[in-house]
C-alpha cells in the first residue's frame, strides 16, 4: 500500500514522508497566496479556490485566513457555502460539505488523529478518517469536528461544541461532548432568535 493509499484508508502511516511533504508544500504555498489576497479581489479568490479545492461549487465564500493542512486539496465543498475567518481544515484525508452550509469563526474540521499508545506517537504515526457534513448546516463559533464524524442535513451545532459522535439530520446539538438538544421544530418556523419573530421574509 502506498503512502497516499494509507492516508485515505484509515491505516497508520508516517506523514513526514519526503515526497508527500514536497507535494504538501506546494499546496501550502498556494494557500499562503490566497490568504494574502485583498478584500477587493473577490474574483481572484474564487478562481484560486477552484484550483485549490478537490471540488467547490458556485457561490462559495471563504473569508481569509483559511488554514488547511493540504490547502483544500482533499476538501469537497458543495455550492453556496459560507465560511467566516479562521476555518481550519485538517484535510489530510477527505472532507465533504453539502450545499448552503455555514461555518462561523474558528471552526475546526479535523480528519487526522494520532495513536493513544505513546510509543507509536514517538515514531510520529498518524491516521486519518474522513468527515461528512450535510446540506444547510450551521456550525457555530469555535466548533470542533473530530475524525470520522458524519453530520446530517439541516443541523445546527452550538458555539464551542466538540462533535465526537455522528449527528442525525434536522437537530440542534450542543456541548462538549456534543449531544442532540432537540429537533428543528414548528417553533423555529415562527421565531429566529428567542422572542424575535420571523416576518417579511421571502418564501
N, C-alpha and C. Protein backbone atom coordinates (compact mmCIF):
# COMPACT_ATOMS: atom_id res chain seq x y z
N UNK A 1 0.85 -1.19 0.00
CA UNK A 1 0.00 0.00 0.00
C UNK A 1 0.89 1.25 0.00
N UNK A 2 0.62 2.19 -0.89
CA UNK A 2 1.42 3.40 -0.98
C UNK A 2 1.08 4.36 0.17
N UNK A 3 1.92 5.37 0.36
CA UNK A 3 1.70 6.34 1.42
C UNK A 3 0.37 7.06 1.22
N UNK A 4 0.04 7.37 -0.02
CA UNK A 4 -1.22 8.07 -0.30
C UNK A 4 -2.42 7.16 -0.07
N UNK A 5 -2.28 5.90 -0.38
CA UNK A 5 -3.36 4.94 -0.10
C UNK A 5 -3.59 4.82 1.41
N UNK A 6 -2.51 4.81 2.17
CA UNK A 6 -2.63 4.75 3.62
C UNK A 6 -3.31 6.00 4.18
N UNK A 7 -2.99 7.15 3.61
CA UNK A 7 -3.58 8.42 4.05
C UNK A 7 -5.11 8.37 4.02
N UNK A 8 -5.65 7.71 3.00
CA UNK A 8 -7.09 7.74 2.78
C UNK A 8 -7.79 6.44 3.16
N UNK A 9 -7.07 5.56 3.87
CA UNK A 9 -7.65 4.26 4.23
C UNK A 9 -7.89 4.10 5.72
N UNK A 10 -7.42 5.06 6.51
CA UNK A 10 -7.53 4.93 7.97
C UNK A 10 -6.37 4.17 8.59
N UNK A 11 -5.42 3.71 7.78
CA UNK A 11 -4.26 2.99 8.29
C UNK A 11 -3.26 3.95 8.92
N UNK A 12 -2.44 3.43 9.82
CA UNK A 12 -1.35 4.22 10.36
C UNK A 12 -0.30 4.46 9.28
N UNK A 13 0.26 5.67 9.26
CA UNK A 13 1.31 5.99 8.30
C UNK A 13 2.18 7.10 8.88
N UNK A 14 3.29 7.36 8.22
CA UNK A 14 4.23 8.39 8.66
C UNK A 14 4.08 9.62 7.76
N UNK A 15 3.48 10.71 8.26
CA UNK A 15 3.20 11.87 7.42
C UNK A 15 4.44 12.65 6.99
N UNK A 16 5.60 12.34 7.58
CA UNK A 16 6.82 13.06 7.23
C UNK A 16 7.51 12.53 5.98
N UNK A 17 6.84 11.64 5.25
CA UNK A 17 7.39 11.11 4.00
C UNK A 17 7.87 12.25 3.10
N UNK A 18 9.09 12.15 2.59
CA UNK A 18 9.71 13.27 1.87
C UNK A 18 8.91 13.67 0.63
N UNK A 19 8.53 12.71 -0.18
CA UNK A 19 7.79 13.01 -1.41
C UNK A 19 6.46 13.67 -1.08
N UNK A 20 5.78 13.15 -0.06
CA UNK A 20 4.49 13.71 0.36
C UNK A 20 4.66 15.13 0.87
N UNK A 21 5.72 15.38 1.62
CA UNK A 21 5.97 16.71 2.18
C UNK A 21 6.23 17.73 1.08
N UNK A 22 6.97 17.34 0.06
CA UNK A 22 7.25 18.25 -1.06
C UNK A 22 5.94 18.63 -1.76
N UNK A 23 5.08 17.65 -1.98
CA UNK A 23 3.78 17.92 -2.61
C UNK A 23 2.92 18.83 -1.73
N UNK A 24 2.92 18.55 -0.43
CA UNK A 24 2.14 19.33 0.51
C UNK A 24 2.60 20.79 0.54
N UNK A 25 3.90 21.02 0.46
CA UNK A 25 4.41 22.39 0.49
C UNK A 25 3.89 23.21 -0.69
N UNK A 26 3.70 22.59 -1.83
CA UNK A 26 3.14 23.28 -2.98
C UNK A 26 1.72 23.76 -2.71
N UNK A 27 0.92 22.90 -2.08
CA UNK A 27 -0.44 23.28 -1.73
C UNK A 27 -0.45 24.40 -0.69
N UNK A 28 0.48 24.34 0.26
CA UNK A 28 0.53 25.36 1.31
C UNK A 28 1.01 26.71 0.77
N UNK A 29 1.89 26.69 -0.21
CA UNK A 29 2.28 27.95 -0.85
C UNK A 29 1.08 28.62 -1.51
N UNK A 30 0.24 27.81 -2.17
CA UNK A 30 -0.96 28.34 -2.82
C UNK A 30 -1.94 28.89 -1.78
N UNK A 31 -2.05 28.21 -0.67
CA UNK A 31 -2.91 28.68 0.42
C UNK A 31 -2.41 30.01 0.97
N UNK A 32 -1.10 30.13 1.10
CA UNK A 32 -0.50 31.39 1.56
C UNK A 32 -0.88 32.52 0.61
N UNK A 33 -0.81 32.28 -0.68
CA UNK A 33 -1.18 33.29 -1.67
C UNK A 33 -2.65 33.70 -1.52
N UNK A 34 -3.50 32.72 -1.29
CA UNK A 34 -4.93 33.02 -1.09
C UNK A 34 -5.13 33.93 0.11
N UNK A 35 -4.45 33.61 1.19
CA UNK A 35 -4.62 34.39 2.42
C UNK A 35 -4.04 35.81 2.31
N UNK A 36 -3.19 36.03 1.33
CA UNK A 36 -2.61 37.35 1.13
C UNK A 36 -3.42 38.22 0.17
N UNK A 37 -4.53 37.70 -0.37
CA UNK A 37 -5.35 38.49 -1.28
C UNK A 37 -6.04 39.63 -0.53
N UNK A 38 -6.39 40.67 -1.29
CA UNK A 38 -7.08 41.83 -0.72
C UNK A 38 -8.59 41.58 -0.69
N UNK A 39 -9.31 42.25 0.22
CA UNK A 39 -10.76 42.10 0.27
C UNK A 39 -11.46 42.42 -1.05
N UNK A 40 -10.88 43.28 -1.85
CA UNK A 40 -11.49 43.66 -3.12
C UNK A 40 -11.23 42.65 -4.24
N UNK A 41 -10.46 41.63 -3.97
CA UNK A 41 -10.09 40.67 -5.01
C UNK A 41 -10.96 39.41 -4.96
N UNK A 42 -12.26 39.63 -4.94
CA UNK A 42 -13.19 38.51 -4.82
C UNK A 42 -13.11 37.52 -5.97
N UNK A 43 -13.02 38.03 -7.20
CA UNK A 43 -12.95 37.13 -8.36
C UNK A 43 -11.67 36.31 -8.33
N UNK A 44 -10.59 36.93 -7.91
CA UNK A 44 -9.31 36.21 -7.81
C UNK A 44 -9.41 35.11 -6.77
N UNK A 45 -10.02 35.41 -5.64
CA UNK A 45 -10.19 34.40 -4.59
C UNK A 45 -11.00 33.21 -5.10
N UNK A 46 -12.08 33.50 -5.79
CA UNK A 46 -12.95 32.43 -6.30
C UNK A 46 -12.18 31.52 -7.24
N UNK A 47 -11.41 32.11 -8.14
CA UNK A 47 -10.63 31.31 -9.09
C UNK A 47 -9.58 30.48 -8.36
N UNK A 48 -8.94 31.07 -7.37
CA UNK A 48 -7.92 30.33 -6.62
C UNK A 48 -8.52 29.13 -5.89
N UNK A 49 -9.68 29.32 -5.28
CA UNK A 49 -10.32 28.22 -4.56
C UNK A 49 -10.69 27.08 -5.51
N UNK A 50 -11.09 27.42 -6.72
CA UNK A 50 -11.42 26.39 -7.71
C UNK A 50 -10.19 25.56 -8.06
N UNK A 51 -9.03 26.18 -7.99
CA UNK A 51 -7.78 25.46 -8.26
C UNK A 51 -7.27 24.70 -7.04
N UNK A 52 -7.56 25.23 -5.85
CA UNK A 52 -7.02 24.66 -4.61
C UNK A 52 -7.81 23.46 -4.11
N UNK A 53 -9.15 23.53 -4.20
CA UNK A 53 -10.01 22.51 -3.60
C UNK A 53 -10.19 21.32 -4.53
N UNK A 54 -10.46 20.16 -3.95
CA UNK A 54 -10.81 18.99 -4.76
C UNK A 54 -12.07 19.27 -5.55
N UNK A 55 -13.05 19.90 -4.90
CA UNK A 55 -14.29 20.34 -5.53
C UNK A 55 -14.79 21.55 -4.77
N UNK A 56 -15.37 22.52 -5.49
CA UNK A 56 -16.02 23.64 -4.83
C UNK A 56 -17.07 24.19 -5.78
N UNK A 57 -18.31 24.30 -5.28
CA UNK A 57 -19.43 24.71 -6.11
C UNK A 57 -19.52 26.22 -6.26
N UNK A 58 -20.51 26.66 -7.00
CA UNK A 58 -20.71 28.09 -7.25
C UNK A 58 -21.20 28.78 -5.98
N UNK A 59 -20.89 30.06 -5.89
CA UNK A 59 -21.41 30.88 -4.80
C UNK A 59 -20.78 30.64 -3.46
N UNK A 60 -19.64 29.96 -3.39
CA UNK A 60 -18.96 29.74 -2.11
C UNK A 60 -18.12 30.96 -1.74
N UNK A 61 -18.07 31.25 -0.44
CA UNK A 61 -17.24 32.36 0.04
C UNK A 61 -16.49 31.91 1.28
N UNK A 62 -15.18 32.06 1.25
CA UNK A 62 -14.34 31.73 2.41
C UNK A 62 -13.57 32.98 2.79
N UNK A 63 -13.75 33.43 4.00
CA UNK A 63 -13.08 34.63 4.50
C UNK A 63 -11.68 34.27 4.98
N UNK A 64 -10.64 34.84 4.39
CA UNK A 64 -9.29 34.60 4.93
C UNK A 64 -9.15 35.15 6.35
N UNK A 65 -8.27 34.59 7.17
CA UNK A 65 -7.38 33.50 6.79
C UNK A 65 -8.05 32.13 6.87
N UNK A 66 -7.72 31.31 5.91
CA UNK A 66 -8.11 29.90 5.87
C UNK A 66 -6.88 29.09 6.23
N UNK A 67 -7.06 28.09 7.08
CA UNK A 67 -5.97 27.20 7.47
C UNK A 67 -6.29 25.79 6.98
N UNK A 68 -5.31 25.13 6.38
CA UNK A 68 -5.59 23.81 5.80
C UNK A 68 -4.29 23.04 5.63
N UNK A 69 -4.25 21.81 6.13
CA UNK A 69 -3.03 21.01 6.05
C UNK A 69 -2.59 20.74 4.61
N UNK A 70 -3.57 20.56 3.73
CA UNK A 70 -3.27 20.31 2.33
C UNK A 70 -3.89 21.36 1.42
N UNK A 71 -4.09 22.55 1.95
CA UNK A 71 -4.54 23.67 1.14
C UNK A 71 -5.88 23.46 0.46
N UNK A 72 -6.72 22.59 1.01
CA UNK A 72 -8.01 22.30 0.41
C UNK A 72 -7.99 21.19 -0.62
N UNK A 73 -6.83 20.60 -0.84
CA UNK A 73 -6.66 19.60 -1.90
C UNK A 73 -7.56 18.37 -1.70
N UNK A 74 -7.91 18.07 -0.44
CA UNK A 74 -8.76 16.92 -0.15
C UNK A 74 -10.14 17.35 0.35
N UNK A 75 -10.52 18.60 0.05
CA UNK A 75 -11.78 19.15 0.56
C UNK A 75 -12.79 19.30 -0.58
N UNK A 76 -14.02 18.84 -0.32
CA UNK A 76 -15.08 18.84 -1.32
C UNK A 76 -16.24 19.69 -0.80
N UNK A 77 -16.42 20.87 -1.37
CA UNK A 77 -17.50 21.78 -0.97
C UNK A 77 -18.58 21.78 -2.04
N UNK A 78 -19.84 21.78 -1.59
CA UNK A 78 -20.95 21.98 -2.50
C UNK A 78 -21.07 23.44 -2.90
N UNK A 79 -22.28 23.89 -3.18
CA UNK A 79 -22.48 25.27 -3.62
C UNK A 79 -22.99 26.15 -2.47
N UNK A 80 -22.72 27.44 -2.59
CA UNK A 80 -23.21 28.46 -1.66
C UNK A 80 -22.84 28.14 -0.20
N UNK A 81 -21.61 27.73 0.00
CA UNK A 81 -21.09 27.51 1.35
C UNK A 81 -20.38 28.77 1.81
N UNK A 82 -20.63 29.15 3.06
CA UNK A 82 -20.00 30.34 3.63
C UNK A 82 -19.14 29.94 4.82
N UNK A 83 -17.91 30.44 4.83
CA UNK A 83 -17.01 30.19 5.96
C UNK A 83 -16.42 31.51 6.44
N UNK A 84 -16.65 31.83 7.69
CA UNK A 84 -16.07 33.02 8.29
C UNK A 84 -14.58 32.76 8.57
N UNK A 85 -13.91 33.78 9.13
CA UNK A 85 -12.45 33.68 9.26
C UNK A 85 -11.99 32.55 10.18
N UNK A 86 -10.77 32.09 9.90
CA UNK A 86 -10.10 31.04 10.68
C UNK A 86 -10.76 29.67 10.60
N UNK A 87 -11.38 29.36 9.47
CA UNK A 87 -11.78 27.98 9.24
C UNK A 87 -10.51 27.14 9.13
N UNK A 88 -10.45 26.05 9.91
CA UNK A 88 -9.29 25.16 9.88
C UNK A 88 -9.71 23.81 9.33
N UNK A 89 -9.13 23.44 8.19
CA UNK A 89 -9.39 22.16 7.55
C UNK A 89 -8.16 21.28 7.72
N UNK A 90 -8.23 20.34 8.64
CA UNK A 90 -7.15 19.37 8.77
C UNK A 90 -7.46 18.27 7.74
N UNK A 91 -7.22 18.62 6.48
CA UNK A 91 -7.67 17.79 5.36
C UNK A 91 -6.59 16.82 4.90
N UNK A 92 -6.05 16.06 5.83
CA UNK A 92 -5.08 15.03 5.46
C UNK A 92 -5.77 13.89 4.71
N UNK A 93 -7.08 13.74 4.92
CA UNK A 93 -7.92 12.94 4.03
C UNK A 93 -9.16 13.76 3.73
N UNK A 94 -10.16 13.15 3.13
CA UNK A 94 -11.24 13.91 2.50
C UNK A 94 -12.26 14.48 3.50
N UNK A 95 -12.67 15.71 3.21
CA UNK A 95 -13.73 16.41 3.93
C UNK A 95 -14.82 16.74 2.91
N UNK A 96 -16.07 16.38 3.23
CA UNK A 96 -17.19 16.62 2.33
C UNK A 96 -18.21 17.52 3.03
N UNK A 97 -18.61 18.61 2.36
CA UNK A 97 -19.56 19.56 2.95
C UNK A 97 -20.65 19.85 1.92
N UNK A 98 -21.91 19.73 2.36
CA UNK A 98 -23.05 19.91 1.47
C UNK A 98 -23.41 21.37 1.22
N UNK A 99 -24.28 21.59 0.25
CA UNK A 99 -24.71 22.92 -0.17
C UNK A 99 -25.28 23.74 0.99
N UNK A 100 -25.05 25.05 0.92
CA UNK A 100 -25.67 26.04 1.82
C UNK A 100 -25.26 25.90 3.29
N UNK A 101 -24.20 25.17 3.54
CA UNK A 101 -23.72 25.06 4.92
C UNK A 101 -22.90 26.30 5.28
N UNK A 102 -22.96 26.68 6.57
CA UNK A 102 -22.29 27.89 7.05
C UNK A 102 -21.37 27.55 8.23
N UNK A 103 -20.19 28.16 8.21
CA UNK A 103 -19.23 27.99 9.30
C UNK A 103 -18.96 29.35 9.94
N UNK A 104 -19.20 29.45 11.24
CA UNK A 104 -18.86 30.66 11.99
C UNK A 104 -17.34 30.72 12.20
N UNK A 105 -16.83 31.79 12.81
CA UNK A 105 -15.37 31.89 13.00
C UNK A 105 -14.80 30.74 13.83
N UNK A 106 -13.58 30.37 13.49
CA UNK A 106 -12.76 29.45 14.30
C UNK A 106 -13.29 28.02 14.36
N UNK A 107 -13.96 27.58 13.32
CA UNK A 107 -14.40 26.18 13.25
C UNK A 107 -13.23 25.32 12.81
N UNK A 108 -13.13 24.11 13.39
CA UNK A 108 -12.06 23.15 13.05
C UNK A 108 -12.69 21.85 12.59
N UNK A 109 -12.32 21.41 11.39
CA UNK A 109 -12.71 20.10 10.87
C UNK A 109 -11.44 19.26 10.78
N UNK A 110 -11.28 18.31 11.69
CA UNK A 110 -10.00 17.60 11.84
C UNK A 110 -10.15 16.14 11.45
N UNK A 111 -9.56 15.76 10.31
CA UNK A 111 -9.60 14.35 9.90
C UNK A 111 -8.47 13.54 10.49
N UNK A 112 -7.43 14.18 10.98
CA UNK A 112 -6.22 13.48 11.41
C UNK A 112 -6.25 13.15 12.90
N UNK A 113 -5.72 11.99 13.24
CA UNK A 113 -5.58 11.60 14.64
C UNK A 113 -4.25 10.90 14.85
N UNK A 114 -3.92 10.67 16.12
CA UNK A 114 -2.67 10.01 16.48
C UNK A 114 -2.97 8.91 17.50
N UNK A 115 -2.20 7.82 17.48
CA UNK A 115 -2.48 6.69 18.37
C UNK A 115 -2.39 7.08 19.85
N UNK A 116 -3.16 6.41 20.67
CA UNK A 116 -3.10 6.60 22.12
C UNK A 116 -1.77 6.09 22.66
N UNK A 117 -1.25 5.01 22.08
CA UNK A 117 -0.02 4.37 22.57
C UNK A 117 1.16 5.32 22.40
N UNK A 118 1.83 5.71 23.50
CA UNK A 118 2.93 6.67 23.42
C UNK A 118 4.05 6.25 22.47
N UNK A 119 4.37 4.97 22.44
CA UNK A 119 5.48 4.50 21.61
C UNK A 119 5.22 4.78 20.13
N UNK A 120 3.96 4.68 19.72
CA UNK A 120 3.62 4.96 18.32
C UNK A 120 3.66 6.46 18.03
N UNK A 121 3.24 7.26 19.01
CA UNK A 121 3.30 8.72 18.81
C UNK A 121 4.76 9.19 18.74
N UNK A 122 5.64 8.56 19.51
CA UNK A 122 7.06 8.92 19.46
C UNK A 122 7.62 8.71 18.06
N UNK A 123 7.07 7.73 17.35
CA UNK A 123 7.51 7.46 15.98
C UNK A 123 6.77 8.33 14.97
N UNK A 124 5.85 9.17 15.46
CA UNK A 124 5.13 10.17 14.66
C UNK A 124 4.10 9.55 13.73
N UNK A 125 3.53 8.42 14.15
CA UNK A 125 2.48 7.81 13.34
C UNK A 125 1.19 8.62 13.40
N UNK A 126 0.42 8.54 12.34
CA UNK A 126 -0.84 9.27 12.21
C UNK A 126 -1.84 8.40 11.46
N UNK A 127 -3.11 8.68 11.66
CA UNK A 127 -4.17 8.06 10.84
C UNK A 127 -5.18 9.14 10.50
N UNK A 128 -5.95 8.93 9.45
CA UNK A 128 -6.94 9.91 9.02
C UNK A 128 -8.28 9.23 8.77
N UNK A 129 -9.35 9.91 9.16
CA UNK A 129 -10.70 9.43 8.90
C UNK A 129 -11.53 10.57 8.30
N UNK A 130 -12.27 10.32 7.21
CA UNK A 130 -12.99 11.39 6.53
C UNK A 130 -14.12 11.98 7.36
N UNK A 131 -14.46 13.23 7.07
CA UNK A 131 -15.57 13.93 7.70
C UNK A 131 -16.62 14.22 6.64
N UNK A 132 -17.89 13.99 6.99
CA UNK A 132 -19.01 14.29 6.11
C UNK A 132 -19.97 15.23 6.83
N UNK A 133 -20.26 16.38 6.23
CA UNK A 133 -21.21 17.33 6.77
C UNK A 133 -22.29 17.56 5.71
N UNK A 134 -23.55 17.49 6.11
CA UNK A 134 -24.65 17.54 5.15
C UNK A 134 -24.97 18.93 4.64
N UNK A 135 -26.12 19.04 4.01
CA UNK A 135 -26.58 20.30 3.42
C UNK A 135 -27.22 21.19 4.47
N UNK A 136 -27.07 22.50 4.27
CA UNK A 136 -27.79 23.51 5.04
C UNK A 136 -27.56 23.39 6.54
N UNK A 137 -26.32 23.11 6.91
CA UNK A 137 -25.95 23.08 8.33
C UNK A 137 -25.36 24.42 8.75
N UNK A 138 -25.35 24.66 10.04
CA UNK A 138 -24.70 25.86 10.60
C UNK A 138 -23.87 25.41 11.80
N UNK A 139 -22.57 25.57 11.69
CA UNK A 139 -21.66 25.26 12.79
C UNK A 139 -21.23 26.57 13.43
N UNK A 140 -21.56 26.74 14.72
CA UNK A 140 -21.29 27.97 15.43
C UNK A 140 -19.82 28.18 15.71
N UNK A 141 -19.51 29.35 16.27
CA UNK A 141 -18.12 29.75 16.50
C UNK A 141 -17.39 28.74 17.39
N UNK A 142 -16.20 28.37 16.94
CA UNK A 142 -15.35 27.51 17.76
C UNK A 142 -15.73 26.05 17.79
N UNK A 143 -16.61 25.60 16.91
CA UNK A 143 -16.98 24.17 16.87
C UNK A 143 -15.79 23.36 16.38
N UNK A 144 -15.60 22.19 17.00
CA UNK A 144 -14.55 21.25 16.58
C UNK A 144 -15.22 19.93 16.18
N UNK A 145 -14.91 19.46 14.98
CA UNK A 145 -15.44 18.19 14.49
C UNK A 145 -14.27 17.22 14.37
N UNK A 146 -14.39 16.07 15.04
CA UNK A 146 -13.29 15.12 15.14
C UNK A 146 -13.27 14.13 13.97
N UNK A 147 -12.18 13.38 13.81
CA UNK A 147 -12.04 12.47 12.67
C UNK A 147 -13.18 11.45 12.58
N UNK A 148 -13.62 11.21 11.34
CA UNK A 148 -14.59 10.16 11.08
C UNK A 148 -16.04 10.52 11.34
N UNK A 149 -16.32 11.78 11.66
CA UNK A 149 -17.67 12.19 12.03
C UNK A 149 -18.53 12.44 10.80
N UNK A 150 -19.81 12.06 10.90
CA UNK A 150 -20.83 12.39 9.91
C UNK A 150 -21.91 13.23 10.58
N UNK A 151 -22.22 14.38 9.99
CA UNK A 151 -23.29 15.26 10.45
C UNK A 151 -24.35 15.30 9.35
N UNK A 152 -25.60 15.10 9.71
CA UNK A 152 -26.68 15.05 8.73
C UNK A 152 -27.03 16.40 8.15
N UNK A 153 -28.15 16.48 7.44
CA UNK A 153 -28.62 17.72 6.83
C UNK A 153 -29.34 18.59 7.85
N UNK A 154 -29.32 19.91 7.63
CA UNK A 154 -30.13 20.87 8.41
C UNK A 154 -29.81 20.84 9.91
N UNK A 155 -28.54 20.65 10.24
CA UNK A 155 -28.11 20.55 11.64
C UNK A 155 -27.50 21.87 12.09
N UNK A 156 -27.87 22.31 13.29
CA UNK A 156 -27.24 23.46 13.93
C UNK A 156 -26.39 22.94 15.08
N UNK A 157 -25.09 23.27 15.07
CA UNK A 157 -24.19 22.86 16.15
C UNK A 157 -23.80 24.12 16.91
N UNK A 158 -24.11 24.16 18.20
CA UNK A 158 -23.90 25.35 19.01
C UNK A 158 -22.44 25.71 19.19
N UNK A 159 -22.19 26.98 19.39
CA UNK A 159 -20.83 27.51 19.53
C UNK A 159 -20.06 26.76 20.62
N UNK A 160 -18.80 26.48 20.33
CA UNK A 160 -17.91 25.84 21.30
C UNK A 160 -18.09 24.35 21.46
N UNK A 161 -18.96 23.74 20.67
CA UNK A 161 -19.21 22.30 20.80
C UNK A 161 -18.06 21.48 20.22
N UNK A 162 -17.87 20.30 20.78
CA UNK A 162 -16.89 19.35 20.26
C UNK A 162 -17.65 18.11 19.82
N UNK A 163 -17.69 17.89 18.51
CA UNK A 163 -18.50 16.81 17.95
C UNK A 163 -17.68 15.53 17.93
N UNK A 164 -18.01 14.62 18.84
CA UNK A 164 -17.27 13.36 18.99
C UNK A 164 -18.03 12.16 18.46
N UNK A 165 -19.34 12.35 18.17
CA UNK A 165 -20.17 11.27 17.62
C UNK A 165 -21.03 11.83 16.50
N UNK A 166 -21.49 10.94 15.63
CA UNK A 166 -22.31 11.35 14.50
C UNK A 166 -23.60 12.04 14.97
N UNK A 167 -24.08 12.98 14.16
CA UNK A 167 -25.32 13.70 14.46
C UNK A 167 -26.33 13.46 13.35
N UNK A 168 -27.59 13.15 13.69
CA UNK A 168 -28.61 12.91 12.66
C UNK A 168 -29.07 14.23 12.04
N UNK A 169 -29.85 14.14 11.01
CA UNK A 169 -30.38 15.33 10.35
C UNK A 169 -31.43 16.03 11.20
N UNK A 170 -31.62 17.34 10.95
CA UNK A 170 -32.72 18.13 11.49
C UNK A 170 -32.71 18.24 13.01
N UNK A 171 -31.52 18.49 13.58
CA UNK A 171 -31.43 18.65 15.03
C UNK A 171 -30.58 19.87 15.37
N UNK A 172 -30.77 20.34 16.62
CA UNK A 172 -29.88 21.31 17.24
C UNK A 172 -29.06 20.54 18.26
N UNK A 173 -27.74 20.65 18.18
CA UNK A 173 -26.85 19.90 19.07
C UNK A 173 -25.82 20.83 19.68
N UNK A 174 -25.51 20.60 20.96
CA UNK A 174 -24.59 21.49 21.67
C UNK A 174 -23.75 20.69 22.66
N UNK A 175 -22.65 21.30 23.10
CA UNK A 175 -21.91 20.78 24.25
C UNK A 175 -20.60 20.10 23.91
N UNK A 176 -19.89 19.75 24.99
CA UNK A 176 -18.63 19.02 24.91
C UNK A 176 -18.68 17.88 25.92
N UNK A 177 -18.91 16.64 25.43
CA UNK A 177 -19.11 16.26 24.04
C UNK A 177 -20.48 16.70 23.51
N UNK A 178 -20.56 16.94 22.21
CA UNK A 178 -21.78 17.46 21.60
C UNK A 178 -22.89 16.41 21.63
N UNK A 179 -24.07 16.86 22.08
CA UNK A 179 -25.25 15.98 22.15
C UNK A 179 -26.45 16.69 21.56
N UNK A 180 -27.39 15.90 21.05
CA UNK A 180 -28.61 16.47 20.48
C UNK A 180 -29.43 17.13 21.59
N UNK A 181 -29.74 18.40 21.41
CA UNK A 181 -30.56 19.15 22.36
C UNK A 181 -32.03 18.99 22.03
N UNK A 182 -32.36 19.11 20.74
CA UNK A 182 -33.76 18.98 20.31
C UNK A 182 -33.79 18.88 18.79
N UNK A 183 -34.96 18.58 18.26
CA UNK A 183 -35.16 18.59 16.82
C UNK A 183 -35.51 20.00 16.35
N UNK A 184 -35.21 20.30 15.10
CA UNK A 184 -35.73 21.51 14.47
C UNK A 184 -37.25 21.34 14.39
N UNK A 185 -38.03 22.34 14.89
CA UNK A 185 -39.47 22.12 15.04
C UNK A 185 -40.31 23.31 14.56
N UNK A 186 -41.62 23.26 14.85
CA UNK A 186 -42.55 24.29 14.40
C UNK A 186 -42.22 25.65 14.99
N UNK A 187 -41.71 25.68 16.21
CA UNK A 187 -41.33 26.94 16.85
C UNK A 187 -40.31 27.70 15.99
N UNK A 188 -39.40 26.94 15.34
CA UNK A 188 -38.35 27.56 14.54
C UNK A 188 -38.89 28.19 13.26
N UNK A 189 -40.12 27.80 12.87
CA UNK A 189 -40.74 28.42 11.71
C UNK A 189 -41.31 29.80 12.04
N UNK A 190 -41.47 30.08 13.34
CA UNK A 190 -42.07 31.35 13.76
C UNK A 190 -41.05 32.30 14.39
N UNK A 191 -40.05 31.74 15.07
CA UNK A 191 -39.06 32.56 15.77
C UNK A 191 -37.65 32.23 15.28
N UNK A 192 -36.85 33.28 15.02
CA UNK A 192 -35.49 33.06 14.56
C UNK A 192 -34.46 33.21 15.67
N UNK A 193 -34.83 33.92 16.77
CA UNK A 193 -33.93 34.10 17.91
C UNK A 193 -34.75 34.50 19.12
N UNK A 194 -34.79 33.63 20.12
CA UNK A 194 -35.54 33.88 21.35
C UNK A 194 -36.96 34.33 21.03
N UNK A 195 -37.34 35.57 21.38
CA UNK A 195 -38.71 36.01 21.12
C UNK A 195 -38.84 36.82 19.83
N UNK A 196 -37.82 36.78 18.99
CA UNK A 196 -37.82 37.53 17.73
C UNK A 196 -38.55 36.75 16.66
N UNK A 197 -39.67 37.31 16.15
CA UNK A 197 -40.48 36.63 15.17
C UNK A 197 -39.95 36.83 13.76
N UNK A 198 -40.11 35.79 12.96
CA UNK A 198 -39.77 35.89 11.54
C UNK A 198 -40.90 36.62 10.85
N UNK A 199 -40.56 37.65 10.06
CA UNK A 199 -41.59 38.38 9.34
C UNK A 199 -40.99 39.01 8.09
N UNK A 200 -41.86 39.25 7.11
CA UNK A 200 -41.47 39.92 5.86
C UNK A 200 -40.32 39.20 5.16
N UNK A 201 -40.32 37.88 5.22
CA UNK A 201 -39.29 37.10 4.58
C UNK A 201 -39.81 36.47 3.29
N UNK A 202 -38.92 36.29 2.31
CA UNK A 202 -39.30 35.60 1.09
C UNK A 202 -39.55 34.13 1.41
N UNK A 203 -40.51 33.57 0.72
CA UNK A 203 -40.80 32.14 0.90
C UNK A 203 -39.70 31.31 0.25
